[in-house]
All heavy atoms as atom14 arrays in JSON, in Angstrom:
{
  "sequence": "PILIGVICFIVSTVIGSSIAEDGTLVEPAFFLIPIGFLMFFIGIISL",
  "atom14_mask": [
    [1, 1, 1, 1, 1, 1, 1, 0, 0, 0, 0, 0, 0, 0],
    [1, 1, 1, 1, 1, 1, 1, 1, 0, 0, 0, 0, 0, 0],
    [1, 1, 1, 1, 1, 1, 1, 1, 0, 0, 0, 0, 0, 0],
    [1, 1, 1, 1, 1, 1, 1, 1, 0, 0, 0, 0, 0, 0],
    [1, 1, 1, 1, 0, 0, 0, 0, 0, 0, 0, 0, 0, 0],
    [1, 1, 1, 1, 1, 1, 1, 0, 0, 0, 0, 0, 0, 0],
    [1, 1, 1, 1, 1, 1, 1, 1, 0, 0, 0, 0, 0, 0],
    [1, 1, 1, 1, 1, 1, 0, 0, 0, 0, 0, 0, 0, 0],
    [1, 1, 1, 1, 1, 1, 1, 1, 1, 1, 1, 0, 0, 0],
    [1, 1, 1, 1, 1, 1, 1, 1, 0, 0, 0, 0, 0, 0],
    [1, 1, 1, 1, 1, 1, 1, 0, 0, 0, 0, 0, 0, 0],
    [1, 1, 1, 1, 1, 1, 0, 0, 0, 0, 0, 0, 0, 0],
    [1, 1, 1, 1, 1, 1, 1, 0, 0, 0, 0, 0, 0, 0],
    [1, 1, 1, 1, 1, 1, 1, 0, 0, 0, 0, 0, 0, 0],
    [1, 1, 1, 1, 1, 1, 1, 1, 0, 0, 0, 0, 0, 0],
    [1, 1, 1, 1, 0, 0, 0, 0, 0, 0, 0, 0, 0, 0],
    [1, 1, 1, 1, 1, 1, 0, 0, 0, 0, 0, 0, 0, 0],
    [1, 1, 1, 1, 1, 1, 0, 0, 0, 0, 0, 0, 0, 0],
    [1, 1, 1, 1, 1, 1, 1, 1, 0, 0, 0, 0, 0, 0],
    [1, 1, 1, 1, 1, 0, 0, 0, 0, 0, 0, 0, 0, 0],
    [1, 1, 1, 1, 1, 1, 1, 1, 1, 0, 0, 0, 0, 0],
    [1, 1, 1, 1, 1, 1, 1, 1, 0, 0, 0, 0, 0, 0],
    [1, 1, 1, 1, 0, 0, 0, 0, 0, 0, 0, 0, 0, 0],
    [1, 1, 1, 1, 1, 1, 1, 0, 0, 0, 0, 0, 0, 0],
    [1, 1, 1, 1, 1, 1, 1, 1, 0, 0, 0, 0, 0, 0],
    [1, 1, 1, 1, 1, 1, 1, 0, 0, 0, 0, 0, 0, 0],
    [1, 1, 1, 1, 1, 1, 1, 1, 1, 0, 0, 0, 0, 0],
    [1, 1, 1, 1, 1, 1, 1, 0, 0, 0, 0, 0, 0, 0],
    [1, 1, 1, 1, 1, 0, 0, 0, 0, 0, 0, 0, 0, 0],
    [1, 1, 1, 1, 1, 1, 1, 1, 1, 1, 1, 0, 0, 0],
    [1, 1, 1, 1, 1, 1, 1, 1, 1, 1, 1, 0, 0, 0],
    [1, 1, 1, 1, 1, 1, 1, 1, 0, 0, 0, 0, 0, 0],
    [1, 1, 1, 1, 1, 1, 1, 1, 0, 0, 0, 0, 0, 0],
    [1, 1, 1, 1, 1, 1, 1, 0, 0, 0, 0, 0, 0, 0],
    [1, 1, 1, 1, 1, 1, 1, 1, 0, 0, 0, 0, 0, 0],
    [1, 1, 1, 1, 0, 0, 0, 0, 0, 0, 0, 0, 0, 0],
    [1, 1, 1, 1, 1, 1, 1, 1, 1, 1, 1, 0, 0, 0],
    [1, 1, 1, 1, 1, 1, 1, 1, 0, 0, 0, 0, 0, 0],
    [1, 1, 1, 1, 1, 1, 1, 1, 0, 0, 0, 0, 0, 0],
    [1, 1, 1, 1, 1, 1, 1, 1, 1, 1, 1, 0, 0, 0],
    [1, 1, 1, 1, 1, 1, 1, 1, 1, 1, 1, 0, 0, 0],
    [1, 1, 1, 1, 1, 1, 1, 1, 0, 0, 0, 0, 0, 0],
    [1, 1, 1, 1, 0, 0, 0, 0, 0, 0, 0, 0, 0, 0],
    [1, 1, 1, 1, 1, 1, 1, 1, 0, 0, 0, 0, 0, 0],
    [1, 1, 1, 1, 1, 1, 1, 1, 0, 0, 0, 0, 0, 0],
    [1, 1, 1, 1, 1, 1, 0, 0, 0, 0, 0, 0, 0, 0],
    [1, 1, 1, 1, 1, 1, 1, 1, 0, 0, 0, 0, 0, 0]
  ],
  "atom14_positions": [
    [[29.18, 22.2, -37.88], [28.96, 21.81, -36.44], [29.66, 20.61, -36.11], [30.07, 20.31, -34.94], [27.4, 21.65, -36.31], [26.9, 22.55, -37.39], [27.9, 22.55, -38.5], [0.0, 0.0, 0.0], [0.0, 0.0, 0.0], [0.0, 0.0, 0.0], [0.0, 0.0, 0.0], [0.0, 0.0, 0.0], [0.0, 0.0, 0.0], [0.0, 0.0, 0.0]],
    [[29.74, 19.54, -37.02], [30.47, 18.35, -36.7], [31.86, 18.64, -36.42], [32.46, 18.05, -35.42], [30.2, 17.33, -37.89], [28.88, 16.94, -38.12], [31.14, 16.04, -37.66], [28.61, 16.06, -39.28], [0.0, 0.0, 0.0], [0.0, 0.0, 0.0], [0.0, 0.0, 0.0], [0.0, 0.0, 0.0], [0.0, 0.0, 0.0], [0.0, 0.0, 0.0]],
    [[32.45, 19.47, -37.18], [33.83, 19.82, -36.93], [33.99, 20.51, -35.58], [35.0, 20.21, -34.82], [34.34, 20.78, -38.11], [35.87, 21.16, -37.95], [36.82, 20.01, -37.98], [36.16, 22.12, -39.06], [0.0, 0.0, 0.0], [0.0, 0.0, 0.0], [0.0, 0.0, 0.0], [0.0, 0.0, 0.0], [0.0, 0.0, 0.0], [0.0, 0.0, 0.0]],
    [[33.1, 21.37, -35.3], [33.21, 22.12, -34.02], [33.04, 21.07, -32.82], [33.67, 21.17, -31.77], [32.15, 23.21, -33.96], [32.5, 24.28, -34.94], [32.05, 23.78, -32.54], [31.42, 25.34, -35.14], [0.0, 0.0, 0.0], [0.0, 0.0, 0.0], [0.0, 0.0, 0.0], [0.0, 0.0, 0.0], [0.0, 0.0, 0.0], [0.0, 0.0, 0.0]],
    [[32.11, 20.19, -33.01], [31.92, 19.1, -32.05], [33.18, 18.21, -31.72], [33.47, 17.93, -30.6], [0.0, 0.0, 0.0], [0.0, 0.0, 0.0], [0.0, 0.0, 0.0], [0.0, 0.0, 0.0], [0.0, 0.0, 0.0], [0.0, 0.0, 0.0], [0.0, 0.0, 0.0], [0.0, 0.0, 0.0], [0.0, 0.0, 0.0], [0.0, 0.0, 0.0]],
    [[33.85, 17.93, -32.89], [35.06, 17.06, -32.76], [36.17, 17.92, -32.03], [36.91, 17.46, -31.2], [35.52, 16.63, -34.16], [36.82, 16.03, -34.01], [34.45, 15.53, -34.65], [0.0, 0.0, 0.0], [0.0, 0.0, 0.0], [0.0, 0.0, 0.0], [0.0, 0.0, 0.0], [0.0, 0.0, 0.0], [0.0, 0.0, 0.0], [0.0, 0.0, 0.0]],
    [[36.24, 19.16, -32.38], [37.25, 20.03, -31.73], [36.92, 20.17, -30.19], [37.81, 20.14, -29.45], [37.24, 21.47, -32.48], [37.89, 21.35, -33.82], [37.99, 22.47, -31.57], [37.64, 22.55, -34.64], [0.0, 0.0, 0.0], [0.0, 0.0, 0.0], [0.0, 0.0, 0.0], [0.0, 0.0, 0.0], [0.0, 0.0, 0.0], [0.0, 0.0, 0.0]],
    [[35.59, 20.28, -29.83], [35.3, 20.27, -28.47], [35.79, 19.06, -27.69], [36.28, 19.15, -26.58], [33.78, 20.43, -28.2], [33.11, 22.1, -28.56], [0.0, 0.0, 0.0], [0.0, 0.0, 0.0], [0.0, 0.0, 0.0], [0.0, 0.0, 0.0], [0.0, 0.0, 0.0], [0.0, 0.0, 0.0], [0.0, 0.0, 0.0], [0.0, 0.0, 0.0]],
    [[35.58, 17.87, -28.34], [35.96, 16.68, -27.68], [37.52, 16.58, -27.56], [38.02, 16.08, -26.52], [35.5, 15.43, -28.52], [34.08, 15.19, -28.44], [33.36, 14.83, -29.59], [33.4, 15.3, -27.32], [31.92, 14.6, -29.57], [31.99, 15.06, -27.2], [31.3, 14.68, -28.36], [0.0, 0.0, 0.0], [0.0, 0.0, 0.0], [0.0, 0.0, 0.0]],
    [[38.24, 16.94, -28.62], [39.69, 17.05, -28.51], [40.19, 17.98, -27.54], [41.1, 17.54, -26.7], [40.3, 17.38, -30.0], [39.98, 16.19, -30.95], [41.82, 17.65, -29.84], [40.3, 16.61, -32.41], [0.0, 0.0, 0.0], [0.0, 0.0, 0.0], [0.0, 0.0, 0.0], [0.0, 0.0, 0.0], [0.0, 0.0, 0.0], [0.0, 0.0, 0.0]],
    [[39.61, 19.11, -27.42], [40.1, 20.09, -26.38], [39.78, 19.6, -24.99], [40.57, 19.74, -24.1], [39.38, 21.55, -26.62], [39.66, 22.38, -25.43], [39.97, 22.1, -28.0], [0.0, 0.0, 0.0], [0.0, 0.0, 0.0], [0.0, 0.0, 0.0], [0.0, 0.0, 0.0], [0.0, 0.0, 0.0], [0.0, 0.0, 0.0], [0.0, 0.0, 0.0]],
    [[38.66, 19.07, -24.72], [38.26, 18.48, -23.41], [39.26, 17.34, -23.0], [39.66, 17.13, -21.9], [36.9, 18.04, -23.3], [36.63, 16.87, -24.11], [0.0, 0.0, 0.0], [0.0, 0.0, 0.0], [0.0, 0.0, 0.0], [0.0, 0.0, 0.0], [0.0, 0.0, 0.0], [0.0, 0.0, 0.0], [0.0, 0.0, 0.0], [0.0, 0.0, 0.0]],
    [[39.74, 16.58, -24.12], [40.66, 15.52, -23.75], [42.06, 16.0, -23.48], [42.75, 15.55, -22.56], [40.7, 14.54, -24.92], [39.42, 13.99, -25.2], [41.59, 13.29, -24.63], [0.0, 0.0, 0.0], [0.0, 0.0, 0.0], [0.0, 0.0, 0.0], [0.0, 0.0, 0.0], [0.0, 0.0, 0.0], [0.0, 0.0, 0.0], [0.0, 0.0, 0.0]],
    [[42.6, 17.06, -24.25], [43.81, 17.57, -24.08], [43.92, 18.27, -22.66], [44.94, 18.24, -22.0], [44.13, 18.69, -25.18], [45.37, 19.43, -24.9], [44.33, 17.85, -26.5], [0.0, 0.0, 0.0], [0.0, 0.0, 0.0], [0.0, 0.0, 0.0], [0.0, 0.0, 0.0], [0.0, 0.0, 0.0], [0.0, 0.0, 0.0], [0.0, 0.0, 0.0]],
    [[42.87, 18.98, -22.31], [42.9, 19.76, -21.01], [42.96, 18.7, -19.88], [43.72, 18.91, -18.89], [41.74, 20.65, -20.89], [41.87, 21.82, -21.8], [41.59, 21.17, -19.41], [40.7, 22.78, -21.8], [0.0, 0.0, 0.0], [0.0, 0.0, 0.0], [0.0, 0.0, 0.0], [0.0, 0.0, 0.0], [0.0, 0.0, 0.0], [0.0, 0.0, 0.0]],
    [[42.23, 17.59, -20.02], [42.35, 16.5, -19.09], [41.6, 16.78, -17.74], [40.93, 17.76, -17.56], [0.0, 0.0, 0.0], [0.0, 0.0, 0.0], [0.0, 0.0, 0.0], [0.0, 0.0, 0.0], [0.0, 0.0, 0.0], [0.0, 0.0, 0.0], [0.0, 0.0, 0.0], [0.0, 0.0, 0.0], [0.0, 0.0, 0.0], [0.0, 0.0, 0.0]],
    [[41.74, 15.8, -16.8], [41.1, 15.92, -15.52], [42.07, 15.37, -14.45], [43.12, 14.82, -14.86], [39.85, 15.02, -15.56], [40.23, 13.67, -15.77], [0.0, 0.0, 0.0], [0.0, 0.0, 0.0], [0.0, 0.0, 0.0], [0.0, 0.0, 0.0], [0.0, 0.0, 0.0], [0.0, 0.0, 0.0], [0.0, 0.0, 0.0], [0.0, 0.0, 0.0]],
    [[41.76, 15.67, -13.24], [42.65, 15.33, -12.16], [41.75, 14.91, -11.0], [40.53, 15.26, -10.93], [43.49, 16.46, -11.72], [42.8, 17.61, -11.36], [0.0, 0.0, 0.0], [0.0, 0.0, 0.0], [0.0, 0.0, 0.0], [0.0, 0.0, 0.0], [0.0, 0.0, 0.0], [0.0, 0.0, 0.0], [0.0, 0.0, 0.0], [0.0, 0.0, 0.0]],
    [[42.34, 14.33, -9.99], [41.62, 13.89, -8.8], [42.08, 14.81, -7.67], [43.27, 14.94, -7.45], [41.83, 12.44, -8.46], [41.35, 11.55, -9.69], [41.23, 12.04, -7.16], [41.55, 10.11, -9.48], [0.0, 0.0, 0.0], [0.0, 0.0, 0.0], [0.0, 0.0, 0.0], [0.0, 0.0, 0.0], [0.0, 0.0, 0.0], [0.0, 0.0, 0.0]],
    [[41.16, 15.41, -7.0], [41.54, 16.28, -5.87], [41.93, 15.53, -4.63], [41.81, 14.32, -4.52], [40.27, 17.23, -5.51], [0.0, 0.0, 0.0], [0.0, 0.0, 0.0], [0.0, 0.0, 0.0], [0.0, 0.0, 0.0], [0.0, 0.0, 0.0], [0.0, 0.0, 0.0], [0.0, 0.0, 0.0], [0.0, 0.0, 0.0], [0.0, 0.0, 0.0]],
    [[42.45, 16.29, -3.62], [42.84, 15.6, -2.37], [41.71, 14.84, -1.69], [42.0, 13.79, -1.02], [43.41, 16.65, -1.44], [44.74, 17.3, -1.87], [45.8, 16.32, -1.83], [45.92, 15.45, -0.93], [46.78, 16.48, -2.67], [0.0, 0.0, 0.0], [0.0, 0.0, 0.0], [0.0, 0.0, 0.0], [0.0, 0.0, 0.0], [0.0, 0.0, 0.0]],
    [[40.47, 15.32, -1.82], [39.37, 14.58, -1.09], [38.76, 13.53, -2.02], [37.82, 12.9, -1.62], [38.25, 15.57, -0.73], [37.68, 16.31, -1.92], [38.28, 16.21, -3.05], [36.67, 17.03, -1.7], [0.0, 0.0, 0.0], [0.0, 0.0, 0.0], [0.0, 0.0, 0.0], [0.0, 0.0, 0.0], [0.0, 0.0, 0.0], [0.0, 0.0, 0.0]],
    [[39.36, 13.18, -3.17], [38.9, 12.09, -4.0], [37.85, 12.47, -5.04], [37.36, 11.61, -5.71], [0.0, 0.0, 0.0], [0.0, 0.0, 0.0], [0.0, 0.0, 0.0], [0.0, 0.0, 0.0], [0.0, 0.0, 0.0], [0.0, 0.0, 0.0], [0.0, 0.0, 0.0], [0.0, 0.0, 0.0], [0.0, 0.0, 0.0], [0.0, 0.0, 0.0]],
    [[37.57, 13.74, -5.18], [36.58, 14.05, -6.2], [37.27, 14.32, -7.51], [38.4, 14.74, -7.58], [35.88, 15.39, -5.76], [36.75, 16.44, -5.6], [34.93, 15.17, -4.58], [0.0, 0.0, 0.0], [0.0, 0.0, 0.0], [0.0, 0.0, 0.0], [0.0, 0.0, 0.0], [0.0, 0.0, 0.0], [0.0, 0.0, 0.0], [0.0, 0.0, 0.0]],
    [[36.53, 14.14, -8.6], [37.13, 14.38, -9.96], [36.94, 15.83, -10.31], [35.92, 16.36, -10.26], [36.36, 13.51, -10.98], [36.79, 13.65, -12.44], [38.2, 13.08, -12.54], [35.85, 12.81, -13.29], [0.0, 0.0, 0.0], [0.0, 0.0, 0.0], [0.0, 0.0, 0.0], [0.0, 0.0, 0.0], [0.0, 0.0, 0.0], [0.0, 0.0, 0.0]],
    [[38.13, 16.43, -10.67], [38.07, 17.85, -11.1], [38.39, 17.83, -12.64], [39.42, 17.42, -13.15], [39.18, 18.61, -10.4], [39.22, 20.04, -10.94], [39.1, 18.48, -8.89], [0.0, 0.0, 0.0], [0.0, 0.0, 0.0], [0.0, 0.0, 0.0], [0.0, 0.0, 0.0], [0.0, 0.0, 0.0], [0.0, 0.0, 0.0], [0.0, 0.0, 0.0]],
    [[37.32, 18.25, -13.38], [37.38, 18.32, -14.77], [37.07, 19.8, -15.24], [35.9, 20.08, -15.37], [36.42, 17.31, -15.44], [36.7, 17.01, -16.84], [36.11, 15.75, -17.27], [35.52, 14.89, -16.43], [36.06, 15.52, -18.49], [0.0, 0.0, 0.0], [0.0, 0.0, 0.0], [0.0, 0.0, 0.0], [0.0, 0.0, 0.0], [0.0, 0.0, 0.0]],
    [[38.1, 20.56, -15.53], [37.89, 21.97, -15.85], [37.09, 22.19, -17.13], [36.49, 23.25, -17.26], [39.25, 22.55, -15.82], [40.15, 21.42, -16.11], [39.57, 20.17, -15.52], [0.0, 0.0, 0.0], [0.0, 0.0, 0.0], [0.0, 0.0, 0.0], [0.0, 0.0, 0.0], [0.0, 0.0, 0.0], [0.0, 0.0, 0.0], [0.0, 0.0, 0.0]],
    [[37.19, 21.35, -18.05], [36.53, 21.49, -19.31], [35.29, 20.6, -19.6], [35.04, 20.18, -20.72], [37.58, 21.34, -20.5], [0.0, 0.0, 0.0], [0.0, 0.0, 0.0], [0.0, 0.0, 0.0], [0.0, 0.0, 0.0], [0.0, 0.0, 0.0], [0.0, 0.0, 0.0], [0.0, 0.0, 0.0], [0.0, 0.0, 0.0], [0.0, 0.0, 0.0]],
    [[34.66, 20.32, -18.51], [33.49, 19.42, -18.58], [32.41, 19.93, -19.48], [31.68, 19.2, -20.18], [32.85, 19.05, -17.22], [31.63, 18.27, -17.25], [31.75, 16.93, -17.67], [30.46, 18.81, -17.14], [30.59, 16.15, -17.65], [29.28, 18.07, -17.16], [29.34, 16.67, -17.45], [0.0, 0.0, 0.0], [0.0, 0.0, 0.0], [0.0, 0.0, 0.0]],
    [[32.25, 21.28, -19.5], [31.13, 21.91, -20.34], [31.29, 21.63, -21.8], [30.48, 21.76, -22.65], [31.11, 23.43, -20.12], [32.28, 24.1, -20.6], [32.34, 24.71, -21.81], [33.53, 24.22, -19.77], [33.49, 25.4, -22.28], [34.59, 24.88, -20.28], [34.69, 25.51, -21.45], [0.0, 0.0, 0.0], [0.0, 0.0, 0.0], [0.0, 0.0, 0.0]],
    [[32.63, 21.33, -22.26], [32.75, 21.07, -23.7], [32.23, 19.61, -24.13], [31.97, 19.48, -25.3], [34.34, 21.04, -24.01], [34.95, 22.45, -23.98], [36.41, 22.26, -24.12], [34.37, 23.3, -24.94], [0.0, 0.0, 0.0], [0.0, 0.0, 0.0], [0.0, 0.0, 0.0], [0.0, 0.0, 0.0], [0.0, 0.0, 0.0], [0.0, 0.0, 0.0]],
    [[32.02, 18.73, -23.2], [31.52, 17.44, -23.63], [30.04, 17.54, -24.13], [29.67, 17.08, -25.24], [31.71, 16.45, -22.5], [33.16, 16.25, -22.19], [31.02, 15.13, -22.75], [33.52, 15.4, -21.0], [0.0, 0.0, 0.0], [0.0, 0.0, 0.0], [0.0, 0.0, 0.0], [0.0, 0.0, 0.0], [0.0, 0.0, 0.0], [0.0, 0.0, 0.0]],
    [[29.13, 18.15, -23.3], [27.77, 18.17, -23.82], [27.65, 19.16, -25.03], [26.84, 18.94, -26.01], [26.95, 18.74, -22.72], [27.94, 19.07, -21.64], [29.27, 18.52, -21.94], [0.0, 0.0, 0.0], [0.0, 0.0, 0.0], [0.0, 0.0, 0.0], [0.0, 0.0, 0.0], [0.0, 0.0, 0.0], [0.0, 0.0, 0.0], [0.0, 0.0, 0.0]],
    [[28.49, 20.21, -25.1], [28.46, 21.09, -26.25], [29.02, 20.3, -27.47], [28.35, 20.44, -28.56], [29.37, 22.28, -26.0], [28.65, 23.19, -24.98], [29.57, 23.08, -27.31], [29.57, 24.4, -24.52], [0.0, 0.0, 0.0], [0.0, 0.0, 0.0], [0.0, 0.0, 0.0], [0.0, 0.0, 0.0], [0.0, 0.0, 0.0], [0.0, 0.0, 0.0]],
    [[29.91, 19.43, -27.31], [30.46, 18.73, -28.44], [29.44, 17.71, -28.93], [29.18, 17.57, -30.15], [0.0, 0.0, 0.0], [0.0, 0.0, 0.0], [0.0, 0.0, 0.0], [0.0, 0.0, 0.0], [0.0, 0.0, 0.0], [0.0, 0.0, 0.0], [0.0, 0.0, 0.0], [0.0, 0.0, 0.0], [0.0, 0.0, 0.0], [0.0, 0.0, 0.0]],
    [[28.63, 16.99, -28.02], [27.57, 16.08, -28.47], [26.47, 16.92, -29.16], [25.99, 16.45, -30.19], [26.96, 15.41, -27.25], [27.75, 14.14, -26.88], [28.37, 14.09, -25.65], [27.87, 13.1, -27.76], [29.14, 12.96, -25.32], [28.58, 11.96, -27.39], [29.11, 11.86, -26.11], [0.0, 0.0, 0.0], [0.0, 0.0, 0.0], [0.0, 0.0, 0.0]],
    [[26.18, 18.08, -28.62], [25.07, 18.83, -29.24], [25.45, 19.34, -30.68], [24.67, 19.18, -31.54], [24.77, 20.02, -28.36], [23.68, 21.0, -28.89], [22.29, 20.29, -28.78], [23.63, 22.27, -28.04], [0.0, 0.0, 0.0], [0.0, 0.0, 0.0], [0.0, 0.0, 0.0], [0.0, 0.0, 0.0], [0.0, 0.0, 0.0], [0.0, 0.0, 0.0]],
    [[26.57, 19.75, -30.79], [27.1, 20.27, -32.12], [27.17, 19.05, -33.11], [26.81, 19.16, -34.24], [28.38, 20.93, -31.94], [28.36, 22.26, -31.25], [27.15, 23.41, -31.84], [28.14, 24.13, -33.17], [0.0, 0.0, 0.0], [0.0, 0.0, 0.0], [0.0, 0.0, 0.0], [0.0, 0.0, 0.0], [0.0, 0.0, 0.0], [0.0, 0.0, 0.0]],
    [[27.7, 17.99, -32.58], [27.88, 16.76, -33.55], [26.48, 16.32, -34.0], [26.33, 16.1, -35.25], [28.54, 15.68, -32.74], [28.97, 14.44, -33.55], [30.05, 14.58, -34.34], [28.27, 13.3, -33.56], [30.45, 13.47, -35.12], [28.56, 12.28, -34.26], [29.76, 12.32, -35.07], [0.0, 0.0, 0.0], [0.0, 0.0, 0.0], [0.0, 0.0, 0.0]],
    [[25.51, 16.23, -33.17], [24.17, 15.77, -33.57], [23.42, 16.82, -34.44], [22.66, 16.5, -35.32], [23.39, 15.31, -32.39], [23.77, 13.96, -31.8], [24.12, 13.94, -30.54], [23.91, 12.89, -32.59], [24.54, 12.79, -29.97], [24.38, 11.65, -32.13], [24.61, 11.67, -30.77], [0.0, 0.0, 0.0], [0.0, 0.0, 0.0], [0.0, 0.0, 0.0]],
    [[23.64, 18.04, -34.08], [23.05, 19.11, -34.96], [23.61, 19.02, -36.38], [22.95, 19.13, -37.47], [23.25, 20.59, -34.37], [22.41, 20.76, -33.21], [23.2, 21.6, -35.44], [22.75, 22.09, -32.47], [0.0, 0.0, 0.0], [0.0, 0.0, 0.0], [0.0, 0.0, 0.0], [0.0, 0.0, 0.0], [0.0, 0.0, 0.0], [0.0, 0.0, 0.0]],
    [[24.99, 18.82, -36.53], [25.55, 18.65, -37.83], [25.02, 17.44, -38.61], [24.85, 17.44, -39.84], [0.0, 0.0, 0.0], [0.0, 0.0, 0.0], [0.0, 0.0, 0.0], [0.0, 0.0, 0.0], [0.0, 0.0, 0.0], [0.0, 0.0, 0.0], [0.0, 0.0, 0.0], [0.0, 0.0, 0.0], [0.0, 0.0, 0.0], [0.0, 0.0, 0.0]],
    [[24.91, 16.27, -37.85], [24.37, 15.17, -38.53], [22.99, 15.31, -39.04], [22.62, 14.94, -40.18], [24.51, 13.96, -37.63], [25.97, 13.6, -37.38], [23.68, 12.74, -38.05], [26.37, 12.2, -37.15], [0.0, 0.0, 0.0], [0.0, 0.0, 0.0], [0.0, 0.0, 0.0], [0.0, 0.0, 0.0], [0.0, 0.0, 0.0], [0.0, 0.0, 0.0]],
    [[22.11, 15.86, -38.18], [20.8, 16.14, -38.55], [20.71, 17.12, -39.75], [19.85, 16.8, -40.69], [19.94, 16.66, -37.32], [19.78, 15.53, -36.27], [18.64, 17.15, -37.75], [19.2, 15.96, -34.93], [0.0, 0.0, 0.0], [0.0, 0.0, 0.0], [0.0, 0.0, 0.0], [0.0, 0.0, 0.0], [0.0, 0.0, 0.0], [0.0, 0.0, 0.0]],
    [[21.49, 18.08, -39.71], [21.38, 19.07, -40.83], [21.87, 18.48, -42.19], [21.38, 18.72, -43.22], [22.15, 20.38, -40.53], [23.51, 20.04, -40.37], [0.0, 0.0, 0.0], [0.0, 0.0, 0.0], [0.0, 0.0, 0.0], [0.0, 0.0, 0.0], [0.0, 0.0, 0.0], [0.0, 0.0, 0.0], [0.0, 0.0, 0.0], [0.0, 0.0, 0.0]],
    [[22.96, 17.61, -42.06], [23.41, 16.9, -43.27], [22.35, 15.96, -43.84], [22.14, 15.89, -45.06], [24.74, 16.16, -42.98], [25.98, 16.91, -42.99], [27.19, 16.09, -42.54], [26.22, 17.53, -44.34], [0.0, 0.0, 0.0], [0.0, 0.0, 0.0], [0.0, 0.0, 0.0], [0.0, 0.0, 0.0], [0.0, 0.0, 0.0], [0.0, 0.0, 0.0]]
  ]
}
């Protein structure tokens, strides 16, 4: 799970984010950030 969490962080960084015309932040891979944290902490707790 730690490895999966790190991969989620890397993928969310590679996909990146952009700013829309109206000034809002568009982040297509935002769901990977909480999943990455969850997997990382599950791995640490299990270890």
